[in-house]
């Protein structure tokens, strides 16, 4: 789901629309998340949130 930052942890980004809580898409790269958010804002006039998460190798949320 993302590139490992230091061998144990990796950073991923979640893009969510404000009008669809609980539904979002995960991205491995910040650029992909940013492009998706921009597209949603321009095409759908949606309010969008981008959240950054750091995950351990086990997949547990460390943030």
Protein backbone atom coordinates (compact mmCIF):
# COMPACT_ATOMS: atom_id res chain seq x y z
CA UNK A 1 0.00 0.00 0.00
CA UNK A 2 2.97 2.31 0.32
CA UNK A 3 6.69 2.46 0.16
CA UNK A 4 8.57 1.55 3.31
CA UNK A 5 10.16 4.66 4.75
CA UNK A 6 12.78 2.96 6.95
CA UNK A 7 12.20 -0.79 6.59
CA UNK A 8 9.68 -0.97 9.41
CA UNK A 9 7.20 1.77 8.66
CA UNK A 10 5.55 3.15 5.57
CA UNK A 11 3.56 6.26 4.77
CA UNK A 12 0.23 6.18 2.94
CA UNK A 13 -2.39 8.81 2.14
CA UNK A 14 -6.17 8.55 2.40
CA UNK A 15 -8.37 10.73 0.18
CA UNK A 16 -11.98 11.14 1.35
CA UNK A 17 -14.92 13.20 0.16
CA UNK A 18 -16.79 15.09 2.90
CA UNK A 19 -20.16 13.96 1.50
CA UNK A 20 -19.17 10.26 1.62
CA UNK A 21 -17.87 9.65 5.15
CA UNK A 22 -16.28 6.27 5.68
CA UNK A 23 -15.47 5.85 2.01
CA UNK A 24 -12.05 6.77 0.76
CA UNK A 25 -9.14 5.61 -1.33
CA UNK A 26 -5.62 4.82 -0.11
CA UNK A 27 -2.58 5.92 -2.11
CA UNK A 28 1.06 4.91 -1.81
CA UNK A 29 2.35 8.23 -3.10
CA UNK A 30 1.52 11.76 -2.03
CA UNK A 31 1.41 12.93 -5.65
CA UNK A 32 -1.30 10.38 -6.55
CA UNK A 33 -3.39 11.45 -3.55
CA UNK A 34 -2.99 15.10 -4.46
CA UNK A 35 -4.01 14.52 -8.09
CA UNK A 36 -7.11 12.54 -7.02
CA UNK A 37 -8.10 15.26 -4.54
CA UNK A 38 -7.68 17.95 -7.19
CA UNK A 39 -9.77 15.97 -9.66
CA UNK A 40 -12.56 15.48 -7.11
CA UNK A 41 -12.56 19.18 -6.23
CA UNK A 42 -12.65 20.32 -9.85
CA UNK A 43 -14.90 17.67 -11.42
CA UNK A 44 -17.36 17.03 -8.61
CA UNK A 45 -17.03 20.31 -6.67
CA UNK A 46 -16.45 18.09 -3.65
CA UNK A 47 -14.91 19.00 -0.33
CA UNK A 48 -11.96 16.65 0.07
CA UNK A 49 -9.72 15.65 2.97
CA UNK A 50 -6.27 14.11 2.59
CA UNK A 51 -4.96 12.25 5.63
CA UNK A 52 -1.39 11.01 6.02
CA UNK A 53 -0.83 7.81 8.00
CA UNK A 54 2.31 5.98 9.09
CA UNK A 55 1.87 2.22 9.23
CA UNK A 56 4.09 -0.48 10.70
CA UNK A 57 4.95 -3.64 8.74
CA UNK A 58 2.19 -5.47 10.61
CA UNK A 59 -0.32 -2.95 9.29
CA UNK A 60 -1.11 -1.40 12.68
CA UNK A 61 -1.75 2.32 12.72
CA UNK A 62 1.07 4.09 14.58
CA UNK A 63 -0.28 7.62 14.34
